[in-house]
Protein backbone atom coordinates (compact mmCIF):
# COMPACT_ATOMS: atom_id res chain seq x y z
CA MET A 1 6.41 -10.78 3.13
CA GLN A 2 3.81 -10.01 1.05
CA SER A 3 2.95 -6.24 -0.99
CA SER A 4 1.71 -4.93 -3.75
CA PHE A 5 4.30 -2.06 -3.32
CA ARG A 6 7.36 -2.06 -5.89
CA LEU A 7 10.66 -0.03 -5.93
CA PRO A 8 11.63 2.28 -8.01
CA ARG A 9 15.07 1.25 -9.75
CA VAL A 10 16.70 4.59 -8.05
CA TYR A 11 15.44 5.04 -4.33
CA PRO A 12 17.46 8.35 -3.37
CA LEU A 13 17.97 9.15 0.49
CA THR A 14 17.88 12.92 1.45
CA ASP A 15 21.25 14.21 3.50
CA VAL A 16 20.97 17.91 4.97
CA GLN A 17 24.61 18.04 5.81
CA LEU A 18 25.80 16.70 2.93
CA SER A 19 24.01 18.84 0.31
CA GLY A 20 23.38 21.83 2.10
CA LEU A 21 19.61 22.07 1.14
CA SER A 22 16.58 21.23 3.38
CA HIS A 23 14.81 17.68 2.96
CA ALA A 24 12.00 19.38 1.24
CA GLU A 25 14.41 21.00 -1.63
CA GLN A 26 16.32 18.03 -2.10
CA VAL A 27 13.06 15.93 -2.75
CA ARG A 28 11.90 18.50 -4.97
CA LEU A 29 15.21 18.55 -6.99
CA LEU A 30 15.15 14.58 -7.04
CA SER A 31 11.47 14.42 -8.27
CA LEU A 32 12.75 16.52 -10.80
CA GLY A 33 14.92 14.36 -12.10
CA GLY A 34 12.38 11.63 -12.08
CA ALA A 35 12.18 10.14 -8.46
CA THR A 36 9.24 8.58 -7.54
CA LEU A 37 10.29 7.25 -4.29
CA VAL A 38 12.33 9.16 -1.62
CA GLN A 39 13.80 8.25 1.93
CA LEU A 40 14.26 11.29 4.47
CA ARG A 41 17.34 10.41 6.43
CA GLU A 42 17.89 12.40 9.69
CA LYS A 43 20.28 11.68 12.37
CA GLN A 44 21.32 15.05 13.92
CA MET A 45 18.23 17.19 13.30
CA ALA A 46 16.11 17.97 16.69
CA GLY A 47 12.88 16.33 16.57
CA LEU A 48 10.57 18.89 15.85
CA GLN A 49 12.63 20.80 12.92
CA PHE A 50 12.74 17.46 10.99
CA TYR A 51 9.05 17.11 11.66
CA GLU A 52 8.47 20.57 10.22
CA GLN A 53 10.68 19.78 7.49
CA ALA A 54 9.21 16.04 6.47
CA ARG A 55 5.91 17.51 6.82
CA ALA A 56 6.89 20.48 3.80
CA ALA A 57 8.71 17.40 2.13
CA VAL A 58 5.69 15.33 2.24
CA ALA A 59 3.61 18.58 0.33
CA ALA A 60 6.06 18.43 -2.51
CA GLY A 61 3.58 15.25 -3.56
CA VAL A 62 6.17 12.70 -3.80
CA PRO A 63 6.03 9.35 -2.06
CA LEU A 64 8.22 9.81 0.85
CA ILE A 65 9.82 7.10 3.51
CA ILE A 66 11.08 8.65 6.91
CA ASN A 67 14.22 6.89 7.91
CA ASP A 68 13.65 5.37 11.76
CA ARG A 69 11.01 8.24 13.14
CA VAL A 70 8.03 6.22 13.05
CA ASP A 71 6.09 9.20 14.78
CA ILE A 72 6.92 11.67 12.61
CA ALA A 73 6.12 9.25 9.45
CA LEU A 74 2.42 8.91 11.69
CA ALA A 75 2.33 12.81 12.25
CA VAL A 76 2.75 14.25 8.47
CA GLY A 77 1.50 11.43 6.58
CA ALA A 78 4.42 9.54 4.83
CA HIS A 79 4.12 6.72 2.91
CA GLY A 80 5.67 4.95 5.23
CA VAL A 81 8.89 4.06 7.42
CA HIS A 82 12.41 2.85 6.70
CA LEU A 83 13.89 0.79 9.82
CA GLY A 84 17.31 -0.40 10.76
CA GLN A 85 18.52 -3.64 13.38
CA ASP A 86 17.86 -1.06 16.45
CA ASP A 87 15.22 0.67 15.50
CA MET A 88 11.74 0.08 16.90
CA PRO A 89 10.53 -3.64 15.56
CA PRO A 90 8.86 -3.90 12.50
CA GLU A 91 6.17 -5.63 14.10
CA ALA A 92 5.40 -2.52 16.24
CA ALA A 93 5.56 -0.14 13.71
CA ARG A 94 2.83 -2.14 11.31
CA ARG A 95 0.57 -1.72 14.28
CA LEU A 96 0.76 2.13 14.08
CA LEU A 97 0.96 2.43 10.77
CA GLY A 98 -1.34 0.45 9.58
CA ASP A 99 -1.53 -2.33 6.66
CA LYS A 100 -1.43 0.01 3.71
CA ALA A 101 2.14 1.75 5.06
CA VAL A 102 5.38 0.82 3.49
CA ILE A 103 7.85 -0.61 5.66
CA GLY A 104 11.35 -1.36 5.02
CA TYR A 105 14.41 -3.25 6.89
CA SER A 106 17.69 -2.78 6.92
CA THR A 107 19.43 -5.97 7.16
CA HIS A 108 23.50 -6.38 6.78
CA ASN A 109 24.18 -10.18 6.24
CA VAL A 110 22.69 -13.33 5.03
CA GLU A 111 21.34 -14.59 8.15
CA GLN A 112 19.67 -11.05 9.03
CA ALA A 113 17.96 -10.99 5.45
CA LYS A 114 16.64 -14.27 6.36
CA LYS A 115 15.22 -13.73 9.67
CA ALA A 116 13.50 -10.35 7.76
CA LEU A 117 11.50 -12.69 5.55
CA THR A 118 9.60 -13.52 8.40
CA LEU A 119 8.91 -9.91 9.34
CA PRO A 120 5.58 -7.74 8.27
CA ILE A 121 7.64 -5.67 6.02
CA ASP A 122 7.42 -4.75 2.32
CA TYR A 123 11.25 -4.66 1.13
CA ILE A 124 14.58 -5.93 2.59
CA ALA A 125 17.72 -3.20 2.39
CA ILE A 126 20.88 -4.77 2.61
CA GLY A 127 24.65 -3.16 2.77
CA PRO A 128 26.83 -1.72 2.52
CA ILE A 129 27.84 -2.56 -0.76
CA PHE A 130 30.67 -1.11 -1.28
CA SER A 131 32.71 1.55 1.52
CA THR A 132 30.52 4.55 2.49
CA SER A 133 31.25 7.68 3.72
CA SER A 134 27.85 8.31 4.57
CA LYS A 135 27.32 6.47 7.74
CA THR A 136 29.02 6.35 10.87
CA ASN A 137 30.43 2.80 12.13
CA PRO A 138 29.27 1.12 8.77
CA SER A 139 29.06 -2.68 9.00
CA PRO A 140 31.30 -4.66 6.88
CA THR A 141 31.51 -4.62 2.97
CA LEU A 142 29.67 -7.46 0.94
CA GLY A 143 30.41 -6.45 -2.26
CA LEU A 144 28.75 -8.16 -5.64
CA GLU A 145 29.35 -11.30 -3.98
CA GLY A 146 27.79 -10.83 -1.04
CA LEU A 147 25.04 -9.35 -2.76
CA ARG A 148 24.29 -12.46 -4.92
CA ALA A 149 24.18 -14.68 -1.93
CA VAL A 150 21.51 -12.64 -0.14
CA ARG A 151 19.47 -12.69 -2.87
CA GLU A 152 19.72 -16.18 -3.08
CA ALA A 153 18.78 -16.34 0.33
CA VAL A 154 15.41 -14.51 0.30
CA GLY A 155 14.40 -15.54 -3.35
CA ASN A 156 12.16 -13.21 -4.84
CA ALA A 157 11.64 -10.59 -1.87
CA GLN A 158 12.06 -6.94 -2.90
CA LEU A 159 15.49 -6.09 -2.22
CA VAL A 160 17.33 -2.44 -2.05
CA ALA A 161 21.00 -2.51 -2.24
CA ILE A 162 23.05 0.59 -0.14
CA GLY A 163 26.17 1.58 0.10
CA GLY A 164 28.76 3.42 -1.83
CA ILE A 165 26.99 2.87 -4.68
CA SER A 166 27.93 5.23 -7.74
CA HIS A 167 26.69 6.18 -11.42
CA SER A 168 29.75 3.34 -12.58
CA THR A 169 28.62 0.55 -10.15
CA ALA A 170 24.82 0.46 -10.01
CA HIS A 171 24.01 -1.80 -13.35
CA ALA A 172 26.25 -3.97 -11.70
CA VAL A 173 24.61 -4.12 -8.31
CA ILE A 174 21.18 -4.79 -10.26
CA GLU A 175 22.47 -7.48 -12.04
CA ALA A 176 23.96 -8.89 -8.89
CA GLY A 177 20.39 -9.43 -7.55
CA ALA A 178 19.44 -5.89 -6.47
CA ASP A 179 16.03 -4.64 -7.58
CA SER A 180 16.95 -0.90 -6.80
CA VAL A 181 19.62 1.13 -5.76
CA ALA A 182 19.83 3.32 -2.87
CA VAL A 183 21.89 6.23 -3.35
CA ILE A 184 22.86 9.48 -1.43
CA SER A 185 26.55 11.06 -2.26
CA ALA A 186 26.17 9.85 -6.06
CA LEU A 187 23.18 11.88 -6.43
CA LEU A 188 23.44 14.82 -3.50
CA THR A 189 27.44 15.76 -3.76
CA ASP A 190 26.84 18.59 -6.02
CA PRO A 191 23.35 20.06 -5.06
CA ALA A 192 23.55 22.14 -8.45
CA GLN A 193 23.31 18.99 -10.31
CA ILE A 194 21.12 16.73 -8.23
CA SER A 195 17.88 16.96 -10.81
CA HIS A 196 20.60 16.06 -14.07
CA ALA A 197 22.25 13.19 -11.92
CA THR A 198 19.03 11.32 -10.73
CA GLN A 199 17.63 11.46 -14.65
CA SER A 200 21.29 10.04 -15.70
CA LEU A 201 20.92 7.42 -12.95
CA ILE A 202 17.62 6.61 -13.63
CA THR A 203 17.98 6.70 -17.56
CA SER A 204 20.98 4.37 -17.04
CA LEU A 205 19.17 1.33 -15.56
CA VAL A 206 16.25 1.39 -18.01
């Protein structure tokens, strides 16, 4: 893992079902709150519809990471892709997207995180830290102690924590070793407050 890419403290993920807003509109509101990197996460939408929404989101000018879909990331010119344990291997994604693309990779325990150190990726995601409602059949929660163990195992690798992180727990997650917090519900639950919630969280972690 060698990269000049640096994770922002707050790494929002979009969710159309939760917010009721298009991916592009979520990106616009998140960026108004100060977000400098956003992951488009979509598990239900048809491929063509997601492509069109991702293309509109890219036009907002904020660096975007596409969850799972290497093909859509490539087609819309996104900043990169975020891959899970069951997605396309990072090596294959790197060949398709090139050296400059940002590739993130989800892990759920110390063993997976250590193995990720050998992959051609830019950052490791670890979670769920706390219980989460935004993922079906989540892996066992790690808690802050589990996060500390992962940080110790991966050394200086860039680490983003995800899963049930709120405004009240984000600071403790950073203190436990995360470089960044990935958040969904904490920012999107009230669509009218997305920009404010984003700005508030970013400010609290400065």
